Every structure is written in C-alpha cells, then in structure tokens.
Amino acid sequence: MRTRTQAATAAVGLMVLVLVLAGCGSTGSPPADQPAAAATDTATSGATTSGDAMAAGTVDIATTDLGDVLVDGTGMTLYMFDPDKQGDSTCYDQCATAWPPLLVDRDPSAGQGIDAALLGTTERTDGSMQVTYNSWPLYYWAQDAAPGDVAGQAVNNVWWVLDASGEPIRD
C-alpha cells in the first residue's frame, strides 16, 4: 500500500512538472506581495546565452527551419509571447523558468540585419531590463538545446519566433 501511495505522489509531481514545461499558457503574473522569479538566473540556464552575450544583449538574424528569425549573439532562437501584446512582459515565475527572458544590463546591440530602431527594453517587475524588438519582449525556450533550434515555435499557440521586421512567424 505504501509503495502505491509513493508512486501516485511521484506521478502527480511528474505531471505538474510536465505542465509547467509545456509552455505556460497563462500569464503567471506574481501576486503583488511576492517578488517575480529571478529572471537573471533563468536567463543563463542550459540553452541560453553566456554571461557576455546576455550583458551585451545582442540580437541577430539567423536562418532556421522557419526561415530567417531573431536570435541572440550566440545564435539561440528568441521568441515572443502573444499575451505581452507588444508591451510589458507578462511571463513570470514558472513561465519565466520555461521561457527565460533575454535580459541586459545596458542598451541592447543590433546585429547585422536587425533594425536598431526596433530594439528596446522593458522593465520587469523585479527591476531587470528585458530586451524588446518591435515592442515584443524577447524570450528563450528552455528546451532549445543548440543554436538554430526552434522547438518553442507555436507552443500552446502563443509562442512565436520573429522575423527581421519584428513580425511573428505563425507557421
């Protein structure tokens, strides 16, 4: 009996983890009395940029299976989130763990093919600065493992790559 209870508890825990990583379909804004997720820590996890690339906040264009899309200075694909509505970031807590924001500690840099006039930043609730392009806050997908991966495309029908003009590619 005890083994069944432990197995059931483990199965529920695994299901919760899978749902969190499945794409954060809701905005996940923190309550006013709780701090936002430590975005700086999540932005440097596994498949994201090195500290130097993050600090520089370079946005480039790279060719992927989806065509030419926005990437960071190391070639990792960047995504936008429909609920952001070309404004402030709405992805926090568990959402920001699955979708780490591209953060900077100074003005972002435009790589070749990037319109510098479309680059900007938005302040997150924890005070950090997230890079925007065409007013879309930019994120990584934690499951993209290598430059050029686009596994986050169309997750929950709310996560999309952007083209050089800053428009989402919804294919």
C-alpha atoms as a PDB file:
ATOM      1  CA  MET A   1       0.000   0.000   0.000  1.00  0.00           C
ATOM      2  CA  ARG A   2       2.804   2.375   0.903  1.00  0.00           C
ATOM      3  CA  THR A   3       4.524   1.809  -2.469  1.00  0.00           C
ATOM      4  CA  ARG A   4       1.309   2.697  -4.336  1.00  0.00           C
ATOM      5  CA  THR A   5       0.995   5.950  -2.398  1.00  0.00           C
ATOM      6  CA  GLN A   6       4.603   6.866  -3.157  1.00  0.00           C
ATOM      7  CA  ALA A   7       4.141   6.001  -6.838  1.00  0.00           C
ATOM      8  CA  ALA A   8       0.957   8.076  -7.030  1.00  0.00           C
ATOM      9  CA  THR A   9       2.686  11.030  -5.378  1.00  0.00           C
ATOM     10  CA  ALA A  10       5.615  10.763  -7.802  1.00  0.00           C
ATOM     11  CA  ALA A  11       3.236  10.562 -10.777  1.00  0.00           C
ATOM     12  CA  VAL A  12       1.383  13.715  -9.683  1.00  0.00           C
ATOM     13  CA  GLY A  13       4.696  15.543  -9.227  1.00  0.00           C
ATOM     14  CA  LEU A  14       5.834  14.488 -12.698  1.00  0.00           C
ATOM     15  CA  MET A  15       2.548  15.661 -14.242  1.00  0.00           C
ATOM     16  CA  VAL A  16       2.930  19.069 -12.601  1.00  0.00           C
ATOM     17  CA  LEU A  17       6.474  19.378 -13.963  1.00  0.00           C
ATOM     18  CA  VAL A  18       5.336  18.421 -17.469  1.00  0.00           C
ATOM     19  CA  LEU A  19       2.550  21.011 -17.358  1.00  0.00           C
ATOM     20  CA  VAL A  20       4.975  23.733 -16.271  1.00  0.00           C
ATOM     21  CA  LEU A  21       7.390  22.889 -19.057  1.00  0.00           C
ATOM     22  CA  ALA A  22       4.604  22.530 -21.606  1.00  0.00           C
ATOM     23  CA  GLY A  23       4.580  26.198 -22.246  1.00  0.00           C
ATOM     24  CA  CYS A  24       2.985  28.434 -19.679  1.00  0.00           C
ATOM     25  CA  GLY A  25      -0.264  29.199 -21.440  1.00  0.00           C
ATOM     26  CA  SER A  26      -1.228  31.749 -18.781  1.00  0.00           C
ATOM     27  CA  THR A  27       0.468  34.975 -17.903  1.00  0.00           C
ATOM     28  CA  GLY A  28       1.654  33.806 -14.497  1.00  0.00           C
ATOM     29  CA  SER A  29       1.953  37.287 -13.018  1.00  0.00           C
ATOM     30  CA  PRO A  30       3.048  37.171  -9.393  1.00  0.00           C
ATOM     31  CA  PRO A  31       0.804  38.449  -6.617  1.00  0.00           C
ATOM     32  CA  ALA A  32       1.711  41.968  -5.520  1.00  0.00           C
ATOM     33  CA  ASP A  33       3.200  40.701  -2.248  1.00  0.00           C
ATOM     34  CA  GLN A  34       5.541  38.179  -3.919  1.00  0.00           C
ATOM     35  CA  PRO A  35       8.674  39.017  -5.885  1.00  0.00           C
ATOM     36  CA  ALA A  36       8.917  37.998  -9.526  1.00  0.00           C
ATOM     37  CA  ALA A  37      11.029  34.995 -10.487  1.00  0.00           C
ATOM     38  CA  ALA A  38      14.775  35.525 -10.526  1.00  0.00           C
ATOM     39  CA  ALA A  39      14.913  36.158 -14.255  1.00  0.00           C
ATOM     40  CA  THR A  40      18.664  36.714 -14.246  1.00  0.00           C
ATOM     41  CA  ASP A  41      19.194  33.144 -13.060  1.00  0.00           C
ATOM     42  CA  THR A  42      16.754  31.664 -15.578  1.00  0.00           C
ATOM     43  CA  ALA A  43      18.199  33.633 -18.457  1.00  0.00           C
ATOM     44  CA  THR A  44      21.520  31.864 -18.078  1.00  0.00           C
ATOM     45  CA  SER A  45      20.190  28.297 -17.816  1.00  0.00           C
ATOM     46  CA  GLY A  46      21.218  25.457 -20.147  1.00  0.00           C
ATOM     47  CA  ALA A  47      20.263  26.548 -23.624  1.00  0.00           C
ATOM     48  CA  THR A  48      20.694  30.273 -23.250  1.00  0.00           C
ATOM     49  CA  THR A  49      23.476  32.740 -23.745  1.00  0.00           C
ATOM     50  CA  SER A  50      26.744  33.120 -21.941  1.00  0.00           C
ATOM     51  CA  GLY A  51      27.104  35.956 -19.456  1.00  0.00           C
ATOM     52  CA  ASP A  52      28.901  38.131 -22.026  1.00  0.00           C
ATOM     53  CA  ALA A  53      26.201  37.694 -24.666  1.00  0.00           C
ATOM     54  CA  MET A  54      23.499  38.363 -22.078  1.00  0.00           C
ATOM     55  CA  ALA A  55      25.259  41.514 -20.880  1.00  0.00           C
ATOM     56  CA  ALA A  56      25.671  42.771 -24.444  1.00  0.00           C
ATOM     57  CA  GLY A  57      22.069  41.866 -25.358  1.00  0.00           C
ATOM     58  CA  THR A  58      22.959  41.332 -28.995  1.00  0.00           C
ATOM     59  CA  VAL A  59      20.068  40.487 -31.297  1.00  0.00           C
ATOM     60  CA  ASP A  60      20.910  38.972 -34.681  1.00  0.00           C
ATOM     61  CA  ILE A  61      19.205  37.184 -37.565  1.00  0.00           C
ATOM     62  CA  ALA A  62      19.852  33.515 -38.344  1.00  0.00           C
ATOM     63  CA  THR A  63      18.424  31.079 -40.852  1.00  0.00           C
ATOM     64  CA  THR A  64      16.420  28.233 -39.298  1.00  0.00           C
ATOM     65  CA  ASP A  65      13.858  25.686 -40.475  1.00  0.00           C
ATOM     66  CA  LEU A  66      11.314  28.529 -40.142  1.00  0.00           C
ATOM     67  CA  GLY A  67      13.337  30.981 -42.246  1.00  0.00           C
ATOM     68  CA  ASP A  68      15.294  33.994 -41.013  1.00  0.00           C
ATOM     69  CA  VAL A  69      14.442  34.635 -37.345  1.00  0.00           C
ATOM     70  CA  LEU A  70      15.702  36.649 -34.389  1.00  0.00           C
ATOM     71  CA  VAL A  71      18.465  35.048 -32.337  1.00  0.00           C
ATOM     72  CA  ASP A  72      20.824  36.221 -29.622  1.00  0.00           C
ATOM     73  CA  GLY A  73      24.557  36.809 -30.096  1.00  0.00           C
ATOM     74  CA  THR A  74      25.266  33.074 -29.744  1.00  0.00           C
ATOM     75  CA  GLY A  75      22.607  32.002 -32.251  1.00  0.00           C
ATOM     76  CA  MET A  76      19.946  30.877 -29.750  1.00  0.00           C
ATOM     77  CA  THR A  77      16.416  31.489 -31.041  1.00  0.00           C
ATOM     78  CA  LEU A  78      14.324  34.249 -29.471  1.00  0.00           C
ATOM     79  CA  TYR A  79      10.542  34.155 -29.111  1.00  0.00           C
ATOM     80  CA  MET A  80       7.628  36.496 -28.390  1.00  0.00           C
ATOM     81  CA  PHE A  81       4.566  35.744 -26.231  1.00  0.00           C
ATOM     82  CA  ASP A  82       1.075  36.743 -27.501  1.00  0.00           C
ATOM     83  CA  PRO A  83      -0.234  37.881 -24.060  1.00  0.00           C
ATOM     84  CA  ASP A  84       2.509  40.535 -23.957  1.00  0.00           C
ATOM     85  CA  LYS A  85       0.566  42.391 -26.704  1.00  0.00           C
ATOM     86  CA  GLN A  86       3.707  44.291 -27.762  1.00  0.00           C
ATOM     87  CA  GLY A  87       4.098  45.797 -24.312  1.00  0.00           C
ATOM     88  CA  ASP A  88       5.295  44.828 -20.874  1.00  0.00           C
ATOM     89  CA  SER A  89       6.368  41.277 -20.115  1.00  0.00           C
ATOM     90  CA  THR A  90       3.659  39.076 -18.610  1.00  0.00           C
ATOM     91  CA  CYS A  91       5.771  35.904 -18.230  1.00  0.00           C
ATOM     92  CA  TYR A  92       6.964  35.392 -14.650  1.00  0.00           C
ATOM     93  CA  ASP A  93       7.578  32.641 -12.092  1.00  0.00           C
ATOM     94  CA  GLN A  94       7.157  29.164 -13.638  1.00  0.00           C
ATOM     95  CA  CYS A  95       6.562  30.718 -17.048  1.00  0.00           C
ATOM     96  CA  ALA A  96       9.941  32.505 -16.880  1.00  0.00           C
ATOM     97  CA  THR A  97      11.599  29.229 -15.910  1.00  0.00           C
ATOM     98  CA  ALA A  98      10.360  27.590 -19.113  1.00  0.00           C
ATOM     99  CA  TRP A  99      10.723  30.826 -21.132  1.00  0.00           C
ATOM    100  CA  PRO A 100      13.701  32.788 -19.743  1.00  0.00           C
ATOM    101  CA  PRO A 101      13.709  36.458 -20.786  1.00  0.00           C
ATOM    102  CA  LEU A 102      16.614  37.995 -22.702  1.00  0.00           C
ATOM    103  CA  LEU A 103      17.983  40.422 -20.110  1.00  0.00           C
ATOM    104  CA  VAL A 104      20.522  43.218 -20.386  1.00  0.00           C
ATOM    105  CA  ASP A 105      22.429  45.460 -18.053  1.00  0.00           C
ATOM    106  CA  ARG A 106      22.867  48.148 -20.753  1.00  0.00           C
ATOM    107  CA  ASP A 107      21.347  49.035 -24.146  1.00  0.00           C
ATOM    108  CA  PRO A 108      20.923  46.022 -26.454  1.00  0.00           C
ATOM    109  CA  SER A 109      23.032  45.736 -29.619  1.00  0.00           C
ATOM    110  CA  ALA A 110      21.710  45.317 -33.155  1.00  0.00           C
ATOM    111  CA  GLY A 111      23.477  42.655 -35.185  1.00  0.00           C
ATOM    112  CA  GLN A 112      23.557  42.505 -38.968  1.00  0.00           C
ATOM    113  CA  GLY A 113      20.039  42.545 -40.451  1.00  0.00           C
ATOM    114  CA  ILE A 114      18.492  44.000 -37.297  1.00  0.00           C
ATOM    115  CA  ASP A 115      16.736  47.376 -37.376  1.00  0.00           C
ATOM    116  CA  ALA A 116      18.252  49.186 -34.373  1.00  0.00           C
ATOM    117  CA  ALA A 117      15.180  51.451 -34.227  1.00  0.00           C
ATOM    118  CA  LEU A 118      13.053  48.392 -33.339  1.00  0.00           C
ATOM    119  CA  LEU A 119      15.328  47.353 -30.440  1.00  0.00           C
ATOM    120  CA  GLY A 120      14.461  48.463 -26.944  1.00  0.00           C
ATOM    121  CA  THR A 121      13.921  47.317 -23.375  1.00  0.00           C
ATOM    122  CA  THR A 122      11.097  46.954 -20.904  1.00  0.00           C
ATOM    123  CA  GLU A 123      11.444  46.907 -17.146  1.00  0.00           C
ATOM    124  CA  ARG A 124      10.342  43.689 -15.450  1.00  0.00           C
ATOM    125  CA  THR A 125       8.642  43.682 -12.057  1.00  0.00           C
ATOM    126  CA  ASP A 126      11.952  42.741 -10.381  1.00  0.00           C
ATOM    127  CA  GLY A 127      13.665  45.805 -11.895  1.00  0.00           C
ATOM    128  CA  SER A 128      15.682  43.894 -14.501  1.00  0.00           C
ATOM    129  CA  MET A 129      15.625  45.062 -18.120  1.00  0.00           C
ATOM    130  CA  GLN A 130      14.298  42.736 -20.829  1.00  0.00           C
ATOM    131  CA  VAL A 131      15.173  43.239 -24.494  1.00  0.00           C
ATOM    132  CA  THR A 132      12.293  44.035 -26.843  1.00  0.00           C
ATOM    133  CA  TYR A 133      12.043  44.048 -30.621  1.00  0.00           C
ATOM    134  CA  ASN A 134       9.165  45.876 -32.305  1.00  0.00           C
ATOM    135  CA  SER A 135       7.904  46.261 -28.704  1.00  0.00           C
ATOM    136  CA  TRP A 136       7.734  42.452 -28.191  1.00  0.00           C
ATOM    137  CA  PRO A 137       9.624  41.312 -25.064  1.00  0.00           C
ATOM    138  CA  LEU A 138      12.054  38.561 -26.121  1.00  0.00           C
ATOM    139  CA  TYR A 139      12.417  35.125 -24.531  1.00  0.00           C
ATOM    140  CA  TYR A 140      14.306  31.874 -24.938  1.00  0.00           C
ATOM    141  CA  TRP A 141      12.674  28.422 -24.840  1.00  0.00           C
ATOM    142  CA  ALA A 142      14.444  26.352 -22.183  1.00  0.00           C
ATOM    143  CA  GLN A 143      14.107  23.225 -24.356  1.00  0.00           C
ATOM    144  CA  ASP A 144      16.073  24.689 -27.281  1.00  0.00           C
ATOM    145  CA  ALA A 145      19.441  22.990 -26.844  1.00  0.00           C
ATOM    146  CA  ALA A 146      21.558  24.436 -29.667  1.00  0.00           C
ATOM    147  CA  PRO A 147      21.747  27.468 -31.947  1.00  0.00           C
ATOM    148  CA  GLY A 148      19.090  27.232 -34.653  1.00  0.00           C
ATOM    149  CA  ASP A 149      16.683  25.088 -32.599  1.00  0.00           C
ATOM    150  CA  VAL A 150      13.094  26.314 -32.914  1.00  0.00           C
ATOM    151  CA  ALA A 151      11.301  23.796 -30.671  1.00  0.00           C
ATOM    152  CA  GLY A 152       9.396  26.599 -28.937  1.00  0.00           C
ATOM    153  CA  GLN A 153       7.578  27.649 -32.105  1.00  0.00           C
ATOM    154  CA  ALA A 154       3.767  27.583 -31.664  1.00  0.00           C
ATOM    155  CA  VAL A 155       3.869  26.125 -28.130  1.00  0.00           C
ATOM    156  CA  ASN A 156       0.304  26.487 -26.809  1.00  0.00           C
ATOM    157  CA  ASN A 157      -0.361  28.646 -29.894  1.00  0.00           C
ATOM    158  CA  VAL A 158       1.036  31.697 -28.052  1.00  0.00           C
ATOM    159  CA  TRP A 159       4.846  31.477 -28.538  1.00  0.00           C
ATOM    160  CA  TRP A 160       6.346  32.542 -31.876  1.00  0.00           C
ATOM    161  CA  VAL A 161       9.656  33.406 -33.492  1.00  0.00           C
ATOM    162  CA  LEU A 162      10.009  36.881 -35.029  1.00  0.00           C
ATOM    163  CA  ASP A 163      11.296  37.864 -38.457  1.00  0.00           C
ATOM    164  CA  ALA A 164      13.665  40.790 -39.120  1.00  0.00           C
ATOM    165  CA  SER A 165      10.743  43.244 -39.337  1.00  0.00           C
ATOM    166  CA  GLY A 166       9.626  42.224 -35.838  1.00  0.00           C
ATOM    167  CA  GLU A 167       6.543  40.336 -37.005  1.00  0.00           C
ATOM    168  CA  PRO A 168       5.693  36.925 -35.544  1.00  0.00           C
ATOM    169  CA  ILE A 169       6.026  33.966 -37.886  1.00  0.00           C
ATOM    170  CA  ARG A 170       2.901  31.946 -37.174  1.00  0.00           C
ATOM    171  CA  ASP A 171       3.605  28.840 -39.270  1.00  0.00           C
END
